[in-house]
Amino acid sequence: MRSAVQKSSIPESRIFVVRDLIAKHFDPEWHAHQEYQIFLVLKGTGTRFIGNTVRPFREGDLTFLGPNIPHLWRSDESFFERNSEGATHGIVIYFKENFLGHLLQKDEMSQVKALFHKARKGLEFFGRTGKEVSCLMRELSRHHGMDSLVLLLRILDMLAHTREFNQLHAENYVYKLKEAETSRINIVYNYAARYFKRRITLEEVANLLNMTPTSFSRYFTMKTSKSFSNFLIELRIKHACKMLAEQEQKNIAQICYECGFNTLSNFNRQFREHMKMTPKEYRKEFMTL
């Protein structure tokens, strides 16, 4: 496995780095780095793992992460198939907190400084802000020099002044895993993301790490702040949300079984517990947006 920390790097000669990511699928490794990161999905679908949160992603997904928050954008399984014609496209901006130097301490930058503090909990943006920042990031990827710096400052200013965002964690997310542990969690996350639609036993996932089921259960809970069973349910629920929103031709029972639930009653109960509404209510609410 590659290193989980310092995966990105900013040359000493650069203030920030912008990368245009085009590939068959996004990088399937759970990793973290010391830079701040703004990431925009332009093409592709899947599940993103940020800290201990699980969410589906698709075109327009926009996030801002503080340093050392482990993350993974795991493309849907269809993108990994040998003959797949699917492709992903994203734009990512990396910068360090001190890239503005003493300017960050000035009154004019107070809201940007507050934005950086909020980003340590992980942020996702939506609505008009997401669309406008998306346009600016596309433009930024085509510029260099002073023009690119001006565009980045415009993006940060827009993100700093909007209310169209959700925090991903209640507190600043603290990266607690060592590199070897991160590699082990990466194995589990990718396995779960690939096979969650069928029954996954504790024994089989424990075998991936050469652990007993009891030891694995204790280890996973300690490192991720949730049990593996709850993690798996959350993964299935988020996929169900995606299907409810995008596949109108499928009824709720079909979605239930395709997401890995054994009974409709259990699916409805778990969905209500996680989403605070029934699958039917969720679909109706999404369709009225």
Protein backbone atom coordinates (compact mmCIF):
# COMPACT_ATOMS: atom_id res chain seq x y z
CA MET A 1 0.00 0.00 0.00
CA ARG A 2 1.13 3.56 -0.62
CA SER A 3 1.55 5.99 2.24
CA ALA A 4 -1.66 7.19 3.81
CA VAL A 5 -0.22 10.54 4.86
CA GLN A 6 1.31 13.24 2.66
CA LYS A 7 -0.12 11.71 -0.48
CA SER A 8 -0.23 15.12 -2.15
CA SER A 9 2.70 17.51 -2.31
CA ILE A 10 3.07 21.18 -3.12
CA PRO A 11 6.46 22.22 -4.54
CA GLU A 12 8.27 24.97 -2.67
CA SER A 13 7.98 27.11 -5.80
CA ARG A 14 4.16 26.95 -5.78
CA ILE A 15 1.53 28.66 -3.62
CA PHE A 16 -1.08 25.99 -4.38
CA VAL A 17 -1.68 23.11 -6.78
CA VAL A 18 -4.66 22.39 -9.04
CA ARG A 19 -5.07 18.97 -10.59
CA ASP A 20 -7.47 17.87 -13.31
CA LEU A 21 -8.23 14.21 -12.54
CA ILE A 22 -9.46 12.17 -15.51
CA ALA A 23 -9.44 8.38 -15.27
CA LYS A 24 -11.60 5.27 -15.51
CA HIS A 25 -12.28 5.58 -11.78
CA PHE A 26 -11.13 7.69 -8.86
CA ASP A 27 -8.17 6.55 -6.77
CA PRO A 28 -9.55 3.73 -4.57
CA GLU A 29 -7.17 4.29 -1.65
CA TRP A 30 -8.17 5.63 1.77
CA HIS A 31 -5.61 8.32 2.49
CA ALA A 32 -4.88 11.65 4.19
CA HIS A 33 -2.49 14.57 3.77
CA GLN A 34 -1.49 17.77 5.52
CA GLU A 35 -2.88 20.15 2.92
CA TYR A 36 -6.35 21.63 2.74
CA GLN A 37 -8.31 20.20 -0.18
CA ILE A 38 -11.23 21.45 -2.27
CA PHE A 39 -12.59 18.68 -4.49
CA LEU A 40 -15.22 18.90 -7.20
CA VAL A 41 -16.69 15.88 -9.00
CA LEU A 42 -17.42 16.70 -12.64
CA LYS A 43 -18.18 13.16 -13.78
CA GLY A 44 -18.69 9.84 -12.04
CA THR A 45 -20.74 8.26 -9.26
CA GLY A 46 -19.94 6.25 -6.17
CA THR A 47 -19.51 6.51 -2.43
CA ARG A 48 -17.27 8.89 -0.56
CA PHE A 49 -15.79 8.15 2.84
CA ILE A 50 -14.63 11.25 4.71
CA GLY A 51 -13.46 10.75 8.29
CA ASN A 52 -16.17 8.52 9.71
CA THR A 53 -18.93 9.71 7.34
CA VAL A 54 -20.35 7.83 4.35
CA ARG A 55 -22.17 9.63 1.50
CA PRO A 56 -22.94 8.90 -2.15
CA PHE A 57 -21.34 11.23 -4.69
CA ARG A 58 -22.19 12.24 -8.23
CA GLU A 59 -21.61 15.14 -10.62
CA GLY A 60 -21.49 18.45 -8.74
CA ASP A 61 -20.33 16.97 -5.41
CA LEU A 62 -18.20 19.70 -3.78
CA THR A 63 -16.24 19.28 -0.55
CA PHE A 64 -13.65 21.24 1.42
CA LEU A 65 -11.46 19.26 3.82
CA GLY A 66 -9.00 20.42 6.44
CA PRO A 67 -5.60 18.77 7.02
CA ASN A 68 -5.28 15.09 7.99
CA ILE A 69 -8.91 14.10 7.38
CA PRO A 70 -8.70 10.65 5.77
CA HIS A 71 -10.88 10.30 2.68
CA LEU A 72 -11.77 8.05 -0.23
CA TRP A 73 -13.98 8.61 -3.28
CA ARG A 74 -14.83 5.01 -4.21
CA SER A 75 -16.32 4.86 -7.71
CA ASP A 76 -19.25 2.51 -8.29
CA GLU A 77 -18.24 -1.07 -9.05
CA SER A 78 -19.21 -0.72 -12.71
CA PHE A 79 -16.28 1.70 -13.22
CA PHE A 80 -13.81 -1.06 -12.29
CA GLU A 81 -15.09 -3.60 -14.80
CA ARG A 82 -12.59 -4.48 -17.52
CA ASN A 83 -14.79 -3.45 -20.43
CA SER A 84 -16.36 -0.49 -18.70
CA GLU A 85 -16.90 2.61 -20.81
CA GLY A 86 -17.41 4.71 -17.69
CA ALA A 87 -15.02 7.50 -16.80
CA THR A 88 -14.50 9.92 -13.94
CA HIS A 89 -13.43 13.54 -13.90
CA GLY A 90 -12.66 15.76 -10.95
CA ILE A 91 -10.80 18.94 -10.09
CA VAL A 92 -8.86 19.17 -6.84
CA ILE A 93 -7.11 22.16 -5.25
CA TYR A 94 -4.42 21.65 -2.60
CA PHE A 95 -2.98 24.40 -0.41
CA LYS A 96 -1.47 24.84 3.03
CA GLU A 97 -3.04 26.97 5.73
CA ASN A 98 -0.11 29.39 5.69
CA PHE A 99 -0.25 29.96 1.93
CA LEU A 100 -1.68 33.43 2.61
CA GLY A 101 1.06 34.22 5.12
CA HIS A 102 0.35 37.16 7.45
CA LEU A 103 -2.63 38.18 5.32
CA LEU A 104 -4.74 35.52 7.07
CA GLN A 105 -4.40 37.47 10.34
CA LYS A 106 -5.82 40.69 8.88
CA ASP A 107 -9.41 41.85 9.38
CA GLU A 108 -10.26 41.51 5.68
CA MET A 109 -9.54 37.78 5.88
CA SER A 110 -11.48 37.03 9.07
CA GLN A 111 -14.22 35.08 7.31
CA VAL A 112 -11.74 33.07 5.25
CA LYS A 113 -9.90 32.25 8.47
CA ALA A 114 -13.21 31.08 9.96
CA LEU A 115 -13.80 28.97 6.84
CA PHE A 116 -10.46 27.21 7.36
CA HIS A 117 -11.46 26.43 10.94
CA LYS A 118 -14.79 24.95 9.82
CA ALA A 119 -13.04 22.89 7.14
CA ARG A 120 -11.29 20.94 9.88
CA LYS A 121 -14.68 19.29 10.48
CA GLY A 122 -15.11 18.65 6.76
CA LEU A 123 -17.60 20.64 4.65
CA GLU A 124 -19.90 19.80 1.75
CA PHE A 125 -21.45 22.60 -0.34
CA PHE A 126 -24.65 22.60 -2.35
CA GLY A 127 -27.18 24.80 -4.12
CA ARG A 128 -26.27 27.94 -6.00
CA THR A 129 -22.92 28.14 -4.21
CA GLY A 130 -21.94 24.70 -5.46
CA LYS A 131 -22.82 25.60 -9.04
CA GLU A 132 -20.99 28.94 -8.99
CA VAL A 133 -17.87 27.47 -7.38
CA SER A 134 -17.98 24.65 -9.92
CA CYS A 135 -17.77 27.21 -12.74
CA LEU A 136 -14.88 29.01 -11.03
CA MET A 137 -12.96 25.76 -10.49
CA ARG A 138 -13.35 24.83 -14.15
CA GLU A 139 -12.00 28.25 -15.05
CA LEU A 140 -9.19 27.95 -12.52
CA SER A 141 -7.99 24.67 -14.02
CA ARG A 142 -7.31 26.55 -17.28
CA HIS A 143 -5.39 29.49 -15.79
CA HIS A 144 -1.89 30.05 -14.44
CA GLY A 145 0.06 32.72 -12.63
CA MET A 146 -1.64 35.67 -10.92
CA ASP A 147 -4.96 34.94 -12.67
CA SER A 148 -5.15 31.55 -10.98
CA LEU A 149 -4.43 33.02 -7.54
CA VAL A 150 -7.18 35.62 -8.00
CA LEU A 151 -9.62 32.87 -8.93
CA LEU A 152 -8.70 30.82 -5.86
CA LEU A 153 -9.28 33.83 -3.62
CA ARG A 154 -12.69 34.33 -5.24
CA ILE A 155 -13.55 30.70 -4.55
CA LEU A 156 -12.50 30.95 -0.91
CA ASP A 157 -14.42 34.20 -0.50
CA MET A 158 -17.57 32.61 -1.94
CA LEU A 159 -17.27 29.56 0.31
CA ALA A 160 -16.60 31.78 3.32
CA HIS A 161 -19.79 33.82 2.85
CA THR A 162 -22.34 31.13 1.99
CA ARG A 163 -24.76 29.28 4.24
CA GLU A 164 -25.26 26.53 1.66
CA PHE A 165 -23.08 23.94 3.36
CA ASN A 166 -23.17 21.04 5.80
CA GLN A 167 -20.49 20.16 8.31
CA LEU A 168 -19.53 16.50 8.10
CA HIS A 169 -18.41 16.13 11.72
CA ALA A 170 -19.63 17.65 14.97
CA GLU A 171 -16.06 18.34 16.10
CA ASN A 172 -12.73 18.91 14.38
CA TYR A 173 -11.80 15.55 12.89
CA VAL A 174 -8.57 14.22 14.39
CA TYR A 175 -6.63 11.71 12.30
CA LYS A 176 -5.76 8.90 14.71
CA LEU A 177 -4.60 6.08 12.44
CA LYS A 178 -0.99 5.20 11.77
CA GLU A 179 -0.02 4.38 8.18
CA ALA A 180 -0.19 0.60 8.67
CA GLU A 181 -3.61 0.89 10.32
CA THR A 182 -4.88 3.11 7.54
CA SER A 183 -3.86 0.49 4.98
CA ARG A 184 -5.86 -2.11 6.89
CA ILE A 185 -8.95 0.10 7.06
CA ASN A 186 -8.51 0.80 3.35
CA ILE A 187 -8.79 -2.94 2.64
CA VAL A 188 -12.01 -3.17 4.65
CA TYR A 189 -13.60 -0.06 3.12
CA ASN A 190 -12.92 -1.17 -0.44
CA TYR A 191 -14.17 -4.69 0.25
CA ALA A 192 -17.36 -3.37 1.84
CA ALA A 193 -17.93 -0.88 -0.99
CA ARG A 194 -17.56 -3.69 -3.51
CA TYR A 195 -19.71 -6.35 -1.85
CA PHE A 196 -22.22 -4.53 0.37
CA LYS A 197 -25.11 -5.59 -1.89
CA ARG A 198 -24.78 -9.14 -0.59
CA ARG A 199 -24.43 -10.57 2.90
CA ILE A 200 -20.99 -9.90 4.40
CA THR A 201 -20.15 -11.89 7.51
CA LEU A 202 -17.90 -10.68 10.28
CA GLU A 203 -15.76 -13.77 9.75
CA GLU A 204 -14.99 -13.05 6.10
CA VAL A 205 -14.07 -9.42 6.66
CA ALA A 206 -11.99 -10.35 9.72
CA ASN A 207 -10.09 -12.83 7.55
CA LEU A 208 -9.02 -9.97 5.30
CA LEU A 209 -6.90 -8.67 8.17
CA ASN A 210 -5.99 -12.07 9.58
CA MET A 211 -7.98 -11.39 12.74
CA THR A 212 -10.57 -13.26 14.71
CA PRO A 213 -14.11 -11.83 14.41
CA THR A 214 -13.99 -10.60 18.00
CA SER A 215 -10.62 -8.90 17.57
CA PHE A 216 -11.68 -7.33 14.27
CA SER A 217 -14.94 -6.05 15.72
CA ARG A 218 -13.11 -4.39 18.59
CA TYR A 219 -10.40 -3.00 16.29
CA PHE A 220 -12.82 -1.53 13.73
CA THR A 221 -14.95 0.15 16.38
CA MET A 222 -11.91 1.63 18.11
CA LYS A 223 -10.46 3.03 14.87
CA THR A 224 -13.64 4.30 13.19
CA SER A 225 -15.93 5.14 16.14
CA LYS A 226 -18.64 2.80 14.82
CA SER A 227 -19.22 -0.93 14.63
CA PHE A 228 -18.72 -2.73 11.34
CA SER A 229 -22.40 -3.70 11.23
CA ASN A 230 -23.45 -0.06 11.64
CA PHE A 231 -20.92 1.00 9.00
CA LEU A 232 -22.35 -1.58 6.59
CA ILE A 233 -25.92 -0.44 7.27
CA GLU A 234 -24.92 3.17 6.68
CA LEU A 235 -23.26 2.21 3.41
CA ARG A 236 -26.41 0.40 2.26
CA ILE A 237 -28.72 3.23 3.33
CA LYS A 238 -26.69 5.83 1.43
CA HIS A 239 -26.80 3.66 -1.67
CA ALA A 240 -30.57 3.27 -1.21
CA CYS A 241 -30.89 7.07 -1.10
CA LYS A 242 -29.07 7.27 -4.39
CA MET A 243 -31.32 4.65 -5.98
CA LEU A 244 -34.50 6.26 -4.64
CA ALA A 245 -33.46 9.54 -6.19
CA GLU A 246 -32.16 8.26 -9.52
CA GLN A 247 -34.08 5.07 -10.35
CA GLU A 248 -37.77 5.96 -10.35
CA GLN A 249 -38.67 2.79 -12.24
CA LYS A 250 -37.67 0.62 -9.28
CA ASN A 251 -40.03 0.21 -6.36
CA ILE A 252 -38.93 0.37 -2.74
CA ALA A 253 -38.93 -3.41 -2.28
CA GLN A 254 -36.57 -3.86 -5.25
CA ILE A 255 -34.23 -1.20 -3.88
CA CYS A 256 -34.34 -2.80 -0.45
CA TYR A 257 -33.02 -6.16 -1.68
CA GLU A 258 -30.57 -4.67 -4.18
CA CYS A 259 -28.93 -2.72 -1.35
CA GLY A 260 -28.29 -5.84 0.70
CA PHE A 261 -31.22 -5.86 3.15
CA ASN A 262 -32.91 -9.19 3.81
CA THR A 263 -36.37 -7.90 4.71
CA LEU A 264 -38.43 -4.85 3.77
CA SER A 265 -39.41 -4.24 7.39
CA ASN A 266 -35.76 -4.06 8.48
CA PHE A 267 -34.94 -1.77 5.57
CA ASN A 268 -37.77 0.62 6.45
CA ARG A 269 -36.76 0.64 10.11
CA GLN A 270 -33.08 1.26 9.42
CA PHE A 271 -33.85 3.90 6.79
CA ARG A 272 -36.11 5.82 9.16
CA GLU A 273 -33.50 5.62 11.91
CA HIS A 274 -30.74 7.01 9.71
CA MET A 275 -32.67 9.45 7.50
CA LYS A 276 -35.47 10.48 9.92
CA MET A 277 -38.07 9.64 7.26
CA THR A 278 -39.36 6.62 5.37
CA PRO A 279 -38.00 5.62 1.94
CA LYS A 280 -41.31 6.70 0.41
CA GLU A 281 -41.09 10.12 2.07
CA TYR A 282 -37.48 10.48 0.98
CA ARG A 283 -38.31 9.75 -2.65
CA LYS A 284 -41.27 12.15 -2.58
CA GLU A 285 -39.20 14.91 -1.01
CA PHE A 286 -36.37 14.46 -3.51
CA MET A 287 -38.75 14.55 -6.46
CA THR A 288 -40.19 17.88 -5.34
CA LEU A 289 -36.81 19.60 -5.20
